[in-house]
Amino acid sequence: MDTQSFSKIPNIIEVSVRPQETPVNLKIRSVSNITSVEKKSIRDIFLDDNESFEDAEIFYPSKMNEEPKPEAKNVVQAFLMPDSQEHNYNYTSAKLDKSGENQHKPFIVANTSEATLQHLQNDCIIPVFSKDNEKTVAHQEFIEVVLSGVNKIFPHHSLSEPEIRVSHQIKGRIPSAIHKPVKELLEHEKTIYYERMAFIVKVPTITDIVNGNELSLTIGGVRSYNLENLYNKKSLEKFKLFIGFQNQVCMNLCVSSDGFVEDMRVGSANDLYSKALEMMQNYNAELHLMEMKELSQDFLSEHQFAQLVGRSRLYQHLPKSEKQNIPLLNFNDTHINTMAKDYYEDQNFCRNQDGNINLWDVYNLFTQANKSSYIDTFLDRNLNAFEFSKGIQKTLNGSSDYHWFLS
């Protein structure tokens, strides 16, 4: 992986090693085969009106609460606390399921590499704001806070191990090794951190089937230090967070607008925890699943798909005055070329024998091509793929907003 050079190096502090605890498995019911179109929050899907997250009782279709209810935990939500009060998260209390096999298809490729939570915790330094030496919310802290939030919303549920992708490695060395040649550096004399990080954690038992593809509920986020001014005093830090579904056939992510916070600004881990809970509670899983299922009911002919590809390439070069009157398409020529190739060659989402292709497959061609995007633009394009696919569907059913792409 390439290392990005900087004219100035922000101050850093060492990260302490956190003890590891043995994870405990939890369970929750599935929300598959949802047919209601009434808009509900994710809290309403899993809880009755008189229940809270702390005392929710989980009913299984086949095992009507055979296992005893776990002991209630006295967890205080961050948004009930004063900003000045410290909140000690029990990060390792998030129940991680290590029994699943490692996925061979990452959710993003681009210039990223795989990393583990233990690597971030034990081997990476933490950037600070130079003028006041205040620490940033580190990548590992971001992941741990979100895991705590997911464990709060789904207290009886087993989570998958976080899948973490990093890029733009920043290397350094300790002061005692200042005069050593690179080839003579010992491992403990090297320092690293990553400018950009994306992660997801799956909730394996909350699933549904769309057009023959199994989808699993997934929560994740993106952090990019390049969006922060580390050479100034501490300010609100920027994060991107989402809750949606992952297609288990291809590991593509499915993100909708009510499950995505594009510009989350927080001043502390407590604020991050509070806003993560708010996002997960407000997510409308039923509506998202219904809209994805509807995409499989509409088709583009081979001619219409060719028109879409051609117009999408022209879109990048339109005069600004014309572009303003056309809905946003946040994909470049490289993505469109990948889609055109996969239209013929992709094993899961290629055209039918008659050349037609349904919009669910078109949507997955978008999200498949999006895997080549950099971390900091990945989630934005993923959301745009969903909004664009819905817009094309409306055009096929009489709406004129996206007609330019098929005209």
Protein backbone atom coordinates (compact mmCIF):
# COMPACT_ATOMS: atom_id res chain seq x y z
CA MET A 1 0.00 0.00 0.00
CA ASP A 2 1.30 3.42 -0.85
CA THR A 3 2.20 5.84 1.90
CA GLN A 4 0.91 9.38 1.55
CA SER A 5 3.50 12.10 2.21
CA PHE A 6 2.82 15.20 4.25
CA SER A 7 4.77 18.39 4.73
CA LYS A 8 3.92 18.29 8.42
CA ILE A 9 3.39 15.33 10.73
CA PRO A 10 0.64 15.62 13.37
CA ASN A 11 1.49 14.80 16.96
CA ILE A 12 0.68 11.28 18.06
CA ILE A 13 0.11 9.40 21.26
CA GLU A 14 0.61 5.74 21.97
CA VAL A 15 -2.46 3.53 22.27
CA SER A 16 -2.64 1.28 25.29
CA VAL A 17 -3.35 -2.42 24.96
CA ARG A 18 -6.85 -3.36 25.97
CA PRO A 19 -7.48 -6.74 27.58
CA GLN A 20 -9.56 -9.08 25.52
CA GLU A 21 -12.58 -10.89 26.95
CA THR A 22 -14.23 -14.03 25.74
CA PRO A 23 -17.27 -13.07 23.59
CA VAL A 24 -20.70 -14.38 24.50
CA ASN A 25 -23.25 -15.41 21.90
CA LEU A 26 -26.67 -13.76 21.83
CA LYS A 27 -29.73 -14.31 19.65
CA ILE A 28 -32.66 -12.35 18.19
CA ARG A 29 -35.53 -13.07 15.88
CA SER A 30 -35.50 -12.69 12.09
CA VAL A 31 -37.48 -10.05 10.20
CA SER A 32 -37.64 -11.95 6.93
CA ASN A 33 -40.74 -12.04 4.75
CA ILE A 34 -41.88 -8.56 5.74
CA THR A 35 -44.87 -7.49 3.66
CA SER A 36 -46.28 -4.45 5.45
CA VAL A 37 -45.71 -1.14 3.75
CA GLU A 38 -46.48 0.95 6.85
CA LYS A 39 -43.49 3.11 7.75
CA LYS A 40 -42.02 1.91 11.05
CA SER A 41 -38.76 2.52 12.83
CA ILE A 42 -36.43 -0.38 13.49
CA ARG A 43 -37.40 -0.10 17.16
CA ASP A 44 -41.08 -0.69 16.31
CA ILE A 45 -40.21 -3.77 14.23
CA PHE A 46 -38.65 -5.64 17.14
CA LEU A 47 -40.47 -4.22 20.21
CA ASP A 48 -44.09 -3.93 21.33
CA ASP A 49 -45.52 -0.57 22.34
CA ASN A 50 -45.04 -1.17 26.07
CA GLU A 51 -41.52 -2.58 25.81
CA SER A 52 -38.13 -0.93 26.06
CA PHE A 53 -34.80 -2.05 24.66
CA GLU A 54 -33.72 -3.21 28.11
CA ASP A 55 -36.63 -5.61 28.77
CA ALA A 56 -37.47 -6.73 25.23
CA GLU A 57 -38.46 -10.39 24.98
CA ILE A 58 -37.48 -12.16 21.79
CA PHE A 59 -39.78 -14.71 20.15
CA TYR A 60 -38.46 -17.23 17.65
CA PRO A 61 -40.62 -18.78 14.92
CA SER A 62 -39.35 -22.28 15.71
CA LYS A 63 -37.97 -21.95 19.28
CA MET A 64 -40.43 -19.95 21.32
CA ASN A 65 -37.97 -18.57 23.83
CA GLU A 66 -36.44 -21.88 24.78
CA GLU A 67 -33.38 -20.16 26.15
CA PRO A 68 -33.64 -18.03 29.32
CA LYS A 69 -33.53 -14.29 29.00
CA PRO A 70 -30.05 -12.86 29.66
CA GLU A 71 -29.57 -10.71 32.73
CA ALA A 72 -30.49 -7.08 32.22
CA LYS A 73 -27.50 -4.76 31.99
CA ASN A 74 -27.46 -1.38 33.62
CA VAL A 75 -26.31 0.55 30.57
CA VAL A 76 -26.79 4.31 30.53
CA GLN A 77 -27.32 5.88 27.12
CA ALA A 78 -24.90 8.65 26.32
CA PHE A 79 -27.58 11.14 25.37
CA LEU A 80 -28.88 11.08 28.95
CA MET A 81 -25.54 12.25 30.32
CA PRO A 82 -23.99 15.72 30.60
CA ASP A 83 -21.29 16.37 28.04
CA SER A 84 -18.68 16.67 30.78
CA GLN A 85 -19.47 13.28 32.31
CA GLU A 86 -17.27 10.34 31.36
CA HIS A 87 -18.91 7.21 30.00
CA ASN A 88 -17.00 3.94 30.27
CA TYR A 89 -18.16 1.69 27.46
CA ASN A 90 -17.83 -2.03 27.93
CA TYR A 91 -16.65 -2.44 24.35
CA THR A 92 -15.89 -6.14 24.70
CA SER A 93 -19.46 -6.79 25.84
CA ALA A 94 -20.56 -6.60 22.21
CA LYS A 95 -21.27 -10.21 21.37
CA LEU A 96 -19.19 -11.30 18.41
CA ASP A 97 -19.85 -14.53 16.54
CA LYS A 98 -16.52 -16.04 15.48
CA SER A 99 -17.97 -19.28 14.16
CA GLY A 100 -18.73 -17.99 10.65
CA GLU A 101 -16.34 -18.50 7.79
CA ASN A 102 -14.31 -15.59 6.52
CA GLN A 103 -15.80 -14.02 3.45
CA HIS A 104 -13.63 -14.21 0.36
CA LYS A 105 -15.31 -11.18 -1.22
CA PRO A 106 -14.66 -7.89 0.59
CA PHE A 107 -17.35 -5.22 0.64
CA ILE A 108 -14.84 -2.73 -0.85
CA VAL A 109 -11.62 -3.27 -2.79
CA ALA A 110 -10.12 -0.12 -4.40
CA ASN A 111 -6.75 0.58 -2.77
CA THR A 112 -7.71 -0.95 0.59
CA SER A 113 -6.29 -3.79 2.62
CA GLU A 114 -7.80 -5.91 5.37
CA ALA A 115 -7.17 -5.09 9.02
CA THR A 116 -8.33 -6.51 12.35
CA LEU A 117 -9.66 -4.71 15.38
CA GLN A 118 -6.77 -6.13 17.42
CA HIS A 119 -4.26 -4.67 14.94
CA LEU A 120 -5.80 -1.21 15.26
CA GLN A 121 -5.94 -1.50 19.05
CA ASN A 122 -2.42 -2.81 19.64
CA ASP A 123 -0.24 -1.74 16.72
CA CYS A 124 -1.45 1.68 15.63
CA ILE A 125 -0.79 5.09 17.13
CA ILE A 126 -3.50 7.72 17.56
CA PRO A 127 -3.28 11.11 15.78
CA VAL A 128 -3.95 14.21 17.88
CA PHE A 129 -4.81 17.83 17.16
CA SER A 130 -1.43 19.55 17.06
CA LYS A 131 -2.21 22.89 18.76
CA ASP A 132 -3.77 21.46 21.94
CA ASN A 133 -2.63 17.80 21.81
CA GLU A 134 -6.25 16.62 22.17
CA LYS A 135 -6.71 13.11 20.83
CA THR A 136 -8.98 12.24 17.93
CA VAL A 137 -11.62 9.55 18.08
CA ALA A 138 -9.41 6.72 16.87
CA HIS A 139 -10.53 4.19 14.27
CA GLN A 140 -10.70 1.41 16.84
CA GLU A 141 -12.70 3.61 19.21
CA PHE A 142 -15.18 4.39 16.42
CA ILE A 143 -15.69 0.67 15.79
CA GLU A 144 -15.99 -0.14 19.49
CA VAL A 145 -18.57 2.61 20.10
CA VAL A 146 -20.71 1.39 17.18
CA LEU A 147 -20.43 -2.22 18.42
CA SER A 148 -21.65 -1.05 21.84
CA GLY A 149 -24.57 0.73 20.19
CA VAL A 150 -25.53 -2.31 18.13
CA ASN A 151 -25.31 -4.46 21.25
CA LYS A 152 -27.63 -1.98 22.99
CA ILE A 153 -30.24 -2.05 20.21
CA PHE A 154 -30.03 -5.85 19.75
CA PRO A 155 -29.14 -7.13 23.23
CA HIS A 156 -30.01 -10.76 22.43
CA HIS A 157 -28.14 -10.93 19.19
CA SER A 158 -24.83 -12.41 18.01
CA LEU A 159 -22.80 -10.11 15.78
CA SER A 160 -20.26 -11.08 13.17
CA GLU A 161 -16.64 -10.11 13.58
CA PRO A 162 -16.14 -6.57 12.20
CA GLU A 163 -14.83 -6.56 8.64
CA ILE A 164 -12.35 -3.68 8.47
CA ARG A 165 -10.67 -2.16 5.41
CA VAL A 166 -7.96 0.50 5.64
CA SER A 167 -5.99 2.64 3.22
CA HIS A 168 -3.37 5.40 3.05
CA GLN A 169 -0.98 4.04 5.65
CA ILE A 170 1.06 6.69 7.46
CA LYS A 171 4.42 5.37 8.68
CA GLY A 172 6.80 6.72 11.30
CA ARG A 173 9.44 5.69 13.82
CA ILE A 174 10.21 6.22 17.49
CA PRO A 175 12.80 8.91 18.45
CA SER A 176 15.49 6.40 19.44
CA ALA A 177 15.55 5.08 15.86
CA ILE A 178 16.02 8.48 14.24
CA HIS A 179 19.43 7.65 12.75
CA LYS A 180 18.77 4.04 11.75
CA PRO A 181 18.58 3.01 8.08
CA VAL A 182 15.19 1.67 7.08
CA LYS A 183 16.46 -1.90 6.66
CA GLU A 184 17.76 -1.93 10.24
CA LEU A 185 14.53 -0.80 11.89
CA LEU A 186 13.08 -3.24 14.42
CA GLU A 187 9.34 -3.83 14.57
CA HIS A 188 8.93 -2.02 17.89
CA GLU A 189 10.68 1.02 16.40
CA LYS A 190 8.13 1.46 13.63
CA THR A 191 4.86 3.38 14.03
CA ILE A 192 1.83 3.39 11.75
CA TYR A 193 -1.71 4.58 11.49
CA TYR A 194 -4.19 4.65 8.61
CA GLU A 195 -5.63 7.83 7.20
CA ARG A 196 -8.86 6.14 6.06
CA MET A 197 -10.90 3.27 7.44
CA ALA A 198 -14.22 1.61 6.63
CA PHE A 199 -15.88 -1.23 8.51
CA ILE A 200 -19.05 -3.29 8.66
CA VAL A 201 -20.53 -5.66 11.22
CA LYS A 202 -23.35 -8.03 10.26
CA VAL A 203 -26.38 -9.19 12.22
CA PRO A 204 -26.57 -12.68 10.68
CA THR A 205 -30.01 -13.79 11.90
CA ILE A 206 -31.90 -10.75 10.59
CA THR A 207 -32.29 -11.68 6.94
CA ASP A 208 -34.66 -11.50 4.00
CA ILE A 209 -34.71 -12.75 0.41
CA VAL A 210 -34.84 -10.36 -2.55
CA ASN A 211 -35.01 -11.86 -6.04
CA GLY A 212 -33.43 -15.07 -4.76
CA ASN A 213 -30.58 -13.26 -2.96
CA GLU A 214 -30.25 -13.49 0.81
CA LEU A 215 -29.75 -10.13 2.50
CA SER A 216 -28.36 -9.71 6.02
CA LEU A 217 -28.76 -6.65 8.24
CA THR A 218 -25.46 -4.76 8.36
CA ILE A 219 -24.14 -1.72 10.23
CA GLY A 220 -20.96 0.11 9.33
CA GLY A 221 -19.11 3.37 9.03
CA VAL A 222 -16.31 5.35 7.40
CA ARG A 223 -13.64 7.57 8.95
CA SER A 224 -11.14 9.72 7.01
CA TYR A 225 -8.53 11.75 8.87
CA ASN A 226 -7.91 13.76 5.71
CA LEU A 227 -11.23 15.52 6.40
CA GLU A 228 -9.91 16.80 9.74
CA ASN A 229 -7.59 19.75 10.31
CA LEU A 230 -5.12 17.99 12.60
CA TYR A 231 -2.82 21.04 12.60
CA ASN A 232 -5.33 23.14 14.54
CA LYS A 233 -7.15 22.86 17.86
CA LYS A 234 -9.65 20.09 18.48
CA SER A 235 -12.95 20.61 16.71
CA LEU A 236 -15.99 18.51 15.79
CA GLU A 237 -14.88 15.37 13.98
CA LYS A 238 -16.56 13.93 10.88
CA PHE A 239 -17.90 10.40 10.46
CA LYS A 240 -20.17 8.52 8.08
CA LEU A 241 -22.45 5.84 9.48
CA PHE A 242 -25.06 3.55 7.95
CA ILE A 243 -27.42 0.69 8.68
CA GLY A 244 -28.79 -1.37 5.80
CA PHE A 245 -28.40 -4.80 4.23
CA GLN A 246 -25.61 -6.76 2.61
CA ASN A 247 -26.22 -9.08 -0.32
CA GLN A 248 -24.68 -12.39 0.77
CA VAL A 249 -24.29 -13.53 -2.84
CA CYS A 250 -21.78 -10.83 -3.74
CA MET A 251 -21.14 -8.91 -0.47
CA ASN A 252 -22.56 -5.73 -2.06
CA LEU A 253 -23.97 -3.23 0.44
CA CYS A 254 -27.51 -1.85 0.14
CA VAL A 255 -27.89 1.60 1.70
CA SER A 256 -31.00 3.80 1.81
CA SER A 257 -31.33 7.45 2.77
CA ASP A 258 -32.98 6.88 6.17
CA GLY A 259 -30.21 4.46 7.15
CA PHE A 260 -27.29 6.71 6.23
CA VAL A 261 -25.76 9.72 7.98
CA GLU A 262 -23.41 11.35 5.50
CA ASP A 263 -21.90 14.09 7.66
CA MET A 264 -22.04 13.12 11.32
CA ARG A 265 -20.11 15.66 13.42
CA VAL A 266 -19.28 14.79 17.01
CA GLY A 267 -17.04 16.15 19.73
CA SER A 268 -16.55 12.96 21.74
CA ALA A 269 -17.15 9.23 21.86
CA ASN A 270 -20.29 9.90 23.94
CA ASP A 271 -21.76 12.04 21.16
CA LEU A 272 -20.88 9.37 18.60
CA TYR A 273 -22.58 6.69 20.68
CA SER A 274 -25.73 8.77 21.08
CA LYS A 275 -26.02 9.57 17.38
CA ALA A 276 -25.33 5.99 16.35
CA LEU A 277 -28.21 4.83 18.57
CA GLU A 278 -30.49 7.47 17.09
CA MET A 279 -29.68 6.43 13.53
CA MET A 280 -30.28 2.72 14.21
CA GLN A 281 -33.57 3.38 16.04
CA ASN A 282 -34.92 5.53 13.19
CA TYR A 283 -33.97 3.15 10.38
CA ASN A 284 -37.02 1.83 8.48
CA ALA A 285 -36.04 -1.73 7.57
CA GLU A 286 -39.49 -2.65 6.25
CA LEU A 287 -39.62 0.18 3.73
CA HIS A 288 -36.05 -0.44 2.57
CA LEU A 289 -36.74 -4.14 1.95
CA MET A 290 -40.02 -3.39 0.18
CA GLU A 291 -38.36 -0.90 -2.17
CA MET A 292 -35.59 -3.36 -3.04
CA LYS A 293 -38.11 -6.11 -3.76
CA GLU A 294 -40.03 -3.76 -6.07
CA LEU A 295 -36.88 -3.22 -8.16
CA SER A 296 -37.03 -6.87 -9.28
CA GLN A 297 -40.44 -6.30 -10.88
CA ASP A 298 -39.31 -3.83 -13.55
CA PHE A 299 -37.04 -4.57 -16.52
CA LEU A 300 -34.85 -2.72 -18.97
CA SER A 301 -34.54 -4.03 -22.51
CA GLU A 302 -31.08 -4.43 -24.02
CA HIS A 303 -31.67 -1.21 -25.98
CA GLN A 304 -32.69 0.69 -22.84
CA PHE A 305 -29.66 -0.57 -20.92
CA ALA A 306 -27.39 0.48 -23.78
CA GLN A 307 -29.09 3.88 -23.73
CA LEU A 308 -28.52 4.10 -19.97
CA VAL A 309 -24.82 3.29 -20.35
CA GLY A 310 -24.34 5.80 -23.16
CA ARG A 311 -26.23 8.59 -21.41
CA SER A 312 -24.34 7.90 -18.16
CA ARG A 313 -21.04 8.47 -19.96
CA LEU A 314 -22.34 11.65 -21.59
CA TYR A 315 -23.56 12.90 -18.21
CA GLN A 316 -19.98 13.44 -16.99
CA HIS A 317 -19.34 15.97 -19.80
CA LEU A 318 -22.60 17.91 -19.83
CA PRO A 319 -22.42 21.70 -19.51
CA LYS A 320 -23.07 22.77 -15.93
CA SER A 321 -26.28 24.55 -16.86
CA GLU A 322 -27.76 21.36 -18.34
CA LYS A 323 -26.40 19.10 -15.62
CA GLN A 324 -28.26 21.04 -12.94
CA ASN A 325 -31.61 20.00 -14.45
CA ILE A 326 -30.79 16.27 -14.36
CA PRO A 327 -30.76 14.08 -11.21
CA LEU A 328 -27.34 13.27 -9.79
CA LEU A 329 -25.35 10.29 -11.04
CA ASN A 330 -22.25 9.94 -8.86
CA PHE A 331 -20.47 7.30 -10.98
CA ASN A 332 -17.63 7.89 -13.44
CA ASP A 333 -16.63 6.22 -16.71
CA THR A 334 -14.65 3.49 -14.95
CA HIS A 335 -17.72 2.41 -13.01
CA ILE A 336 -19.94 2.53 -16.10
CA ASN A 337 -17.45 0.44 -18.11
CA THR A 338 -17.45 -2.16 -15.33
CA MET A 339 -21.25 -2.26 -15.42
CA ALA A 340 -21.27 -2.73 -19.21
CA LYS A 341 -18.83 -5.63 -18.89
CA ASP A 342 -20.78 -7.24 -16.04
CA TYR A 343 -24.02 -6.92 -18.00
CA TYR A 344 -22.66 -9.72 -20.17
CA GLU A 345 -20.30 -11.56 -17.81
CA ASP A 346 -21.41 -11.31 -14.18
CA GLN A 347 -22.53 -14.69 -12.89
CA ASN A 348 -25.23 -13.32 -10.59
CA PHE A 349 -26.56 -10.13 -12.22
CA CYS A 350 -26.03 -10.44 -15.96
CA ARG A 351 -28.75 -10.03 -18.62
CA ASN A 352 -31.42 -12.64 -19.32
CA GLN A 353 -31.24 -14.71 -22.52
CA ASP A 354 -33.53 -12.20 -24.27
CA GLY A 355 -31.25 -9.31 -23.24
CA ASN A 356 -33.61 -7.90 -20.63
CA ILE A 357 -32.34 -7.14 -17.13
CA ASN A 358 -34.40 -6.27 -14.05
CA LEU A 359 -33.64 -3.19 -11.98
CA TRP A 360 -32.55 -5.23 -8.97
CA ASP A 361 -29.74 -6.62 -11.12
CA VAL A 362 -28.97 -3.14 -12.49
CA TYR A 363 -28.77 -1.85 -8.91
CA ASN A 364 -26.31 -4.62 -8.02
CA LEU A 365 -24.24 -3.83 -11.12
CA PHE A 366 -23.92 -0.31 -9.68
CA THR A 367 -22.97 -1.51 -6.19
CA GLN A 368 -20.57 -4.09 -7.64
CA ALA A 369 -18.79 -1.40 -9.66
CA ASN A 370 -18.75 0.83 -6.59
CA LYS A 371 -16.31 -1.54 -4.87
CA SER A 372 -13.54 0.18 -6.84
CA SER A 373 -14.33 3.53 -5.16
CA TYR A 374 -12.05 4.98 -2.51
CA ILE A 375 -13.17 4.71 1.11
CA ASP A 376 -14.17 8.38 1.45
CA THR A 377 -16.63 8.25 -1.51
CA PHE A 378 -17.80 4.65 -1.12
CA LEU A 379 -20.96 5.14 0.97
CA ASP A 380 -22.09 8.25 -0.91
CA ARG A 381 -22.00 6.37 -4.21
CA ASN A 382 -23.71 3.37 -2.67
CA LEU A 383 -26.65 5.53 -1.62
CA ASN A 384 -26.68 7.21 -5.05
CA ALA A 385 -26.92 3.77 -6.70
CA PHE A 386 -30.12 3.05 -4.77
CA GLU A 387 -31.67 6.47 -5.41
CA PHE A 388 -30.74 6.30 -9.09
CA SER A 389 -32.22 2.80 -9.52
CA LYS A 390 -35.47 3.93 -7.90
CA GLY A 391 -35.49 6.96 -10.22
CA ILE A 392 -35.14 4.76 -13.31
CA GLN A 393 -38.00 2.62 -11.97
CA LYS A 394 -40.21 5.68 -11.67
CA THR A 395 -39.33 6.65 -15.25
CA LEU A 396 -40.46 3.24 -16.48
CA ASN A 397 -43.75 3.80 -14.64
CA GLY A 398 -44.43 7.30 -15.98
CA SER A 399 -42.29 9.72 -13.95
CA SER A 400 -40.14 12.10 -16.00
CA ASP A 401 -37.38 12.98 -13.50
CA TYR A 402 -34.86 10.48 -14.86
CA HIS A 403 -36.19 10.24 -18.41
CA TRP A 404 -33.02 11.84 -19.85
CA PHE A 405 -31.03 8.68 -19.10
CA LEU A 406 -33.39 6.52 -21.17
CA SER A 407 -34.38 8.98 -23.90
